[in-house]
Protein backbone atom coordinates (compact mmCIF):
# COMPACT_ATOMS: atom_id res chain seq x y z
CA MET A 1 -2.90 -7.23 -0.70
CA ALA A 2 -1.72 -5.32 2.40
CA GLN A 3 1.65 -4.49 0.82
CA GLU A 4 -0.01 -3.23 -2.35
CA THR A 5 -2.34 -0.97 -0.34
CA HIS A 6 0.50 0.43 1.77
CA LYS A 7 2.60 1.01 -1.35
CA GLU A 8 -0.25 2.97 -2.92
CA VAL A 9 -0.58 5.09 0.22
CA ARG A 10 3.16 5.81 0.07
CA ASN A 11 2.86 6.70 -3.65
CA VAL A 12 0.05 9.17 -2.91
CA LEU A 13 2.15 10.73 -0.14
CA ALA A 14 5.06 11.03 -2.58
CA GLU A 15 2.83 12.82 -5.09
CA MET A 16 1.53 15.19 -2.44
CA PHE A 17 4.68 15.90 -0.39
CA GLY A 18 7.64 14.43 -2.29
CA LYS A 19 9.47 11.11 -2.18
CA GLU A 20 11.70 12.06 0.75
CA VAL A 21 8.72 12.72 3.02
CA ALA A 22 6.89 9.61 1.78
CA ASP A 23 9.91 7.42 2.49
CA LYS A 24 10.17 8.76 6.03
CA MET A 25 6.47 8.41 6.81
CA ILE A 26 5.52 5.54 9.12
CA ILE A 27 2.56 3.61 7.68
CA GLN A 28 0.96 1.03 9.95
CA TYR A 29 -1.20 -1.95 9.13
CA GLY A 30 -4.74 -1.30 10.33
CA GLY A 31 -5.87 -4.89 10.87
CA SER A 32 -5.20 -7.03 13.90
CA MET A 33 -1.64 -8.28 13.95
CA LYS A 34 -0.95 -11.79 15.24
CA PRO A 35 2.32 -13.74 15.48
CA GLU A 36 1.26 -15.85 12.50
CA ASN A 37 0.91 -12.89 10.16
CA ALA A 38 3.28 -10.35 11.71
CA LYS A 39 6.70 -11.64 10.71
CA LYS A 40 5.96 -13.64 7.59
CA ASP A 41 3.19 -11.66 5.93
CA LEU A 42 3.20 -8.13 7.30
CA LEU A 43 6.37 -6.82 8.89
CA SER A 44 8.53 -8.37 6.20
CA GLN A 45 6.86 -6.13 3.61
CA GLU A 46 8.74 -3.03 2.49
CA ASP A 47 5.95 -0.50 3.00
CA ILE A 48 4.38 -1.82 6.22
CA ASP A 49 6.11 -0.19 9.17
CA GLY A 50 4.01 -1.51 12.04
CA GLY A 51 0.47 -2.37 12.99
CA LEU A 52 -2.27 -2.73 15.53
CA VAL A 53 -1.96 -5.53 18.06
CA GLY A 54 -5.26 -6.62 19.54
CA GLY A 55 -5.87 -9.76 21.58
CA ALA A 56 -2.34 -11.03 20.92
CA SER A 57 -1.08 -8.35 23.31
CA LEU A 58 -2.94 -10.06 26.16
CA LYS A 59 -0.90 -13.25 25.76
CA ALA A 60 2.75 -12.74 26.67
CA ASP A 61 4.10 -15.41 24.31
CA SER A 62 2.12 -14.07 21.35
CA PHE A 63 3.02 -10.47 22.04
CA PHE A 64 6.70 -11.34 22.44
CA GLU A 65 6.73 -13.02 19.01
CA ILE A 66 5.33 -9.86 17.43
CA ILE A 67 7.86 -7.69 19.27
CA LYS A 68 10.70 -9.87 18.00
CA SER A 69 9.40 -9.43 14.44
CA ARG A 70 9.14 -5.67 14.84
CA LYS A 71 12.57 -5.36 16.42
CA LEU A 72 14.16 -6.63 13.23
CA LYS A 73 12.35 -4.02 11.16
CA ILE A 74 13.30 -1.13 13.45
CA TYR A 75 16.95 -1.80 12.70
CA TRP A 76 16.15 -1.86 9.00
CA ARG A 77 14.72 1.65 9.11
CA LYS A 78 16.65 4.82 9.94
CA ASN A 79 16.38 6.24 13.45
CA LEU A 80 12.65 6.72 14.12
CA ASN A 81 13.17 9.98 16.00
CA ASP A 82 14.78 11.50 12.91
CA ARG A 83 11.87 10.31 10.80
CA TYR A 84 9.30 12.04 13.03
CA ARG A 85 11.31 15.24 13.25
CA ASN A 86 12.02 15.50 9.51
CA CYS A 87 8.73 14.50 7.89
CA ARG A 88 6.37 17.22 9.08
CA ALA A 89 4.58 18.51 6.00
CA THR A 90 3.46 22.13 5.92
């Protein structure tokens, strides 16, 4: 369900601003991310680029597991600084 929602958001952005901008846009999951759902269910999805970390950030082991999951995805995406600089819609 989360992937489908994020994909639809990206599709709307593509309709409004073009595919190039939509592909560069960072779309984050708005629910609470935990180690159990971060790597397997959320960060492995094509259109989910990150998310909110609630209570898991208070436990070092849990937070580290989420960071490890995210680190893999950062390398999958192009340089994030370029994405921010190039996707400003007017």
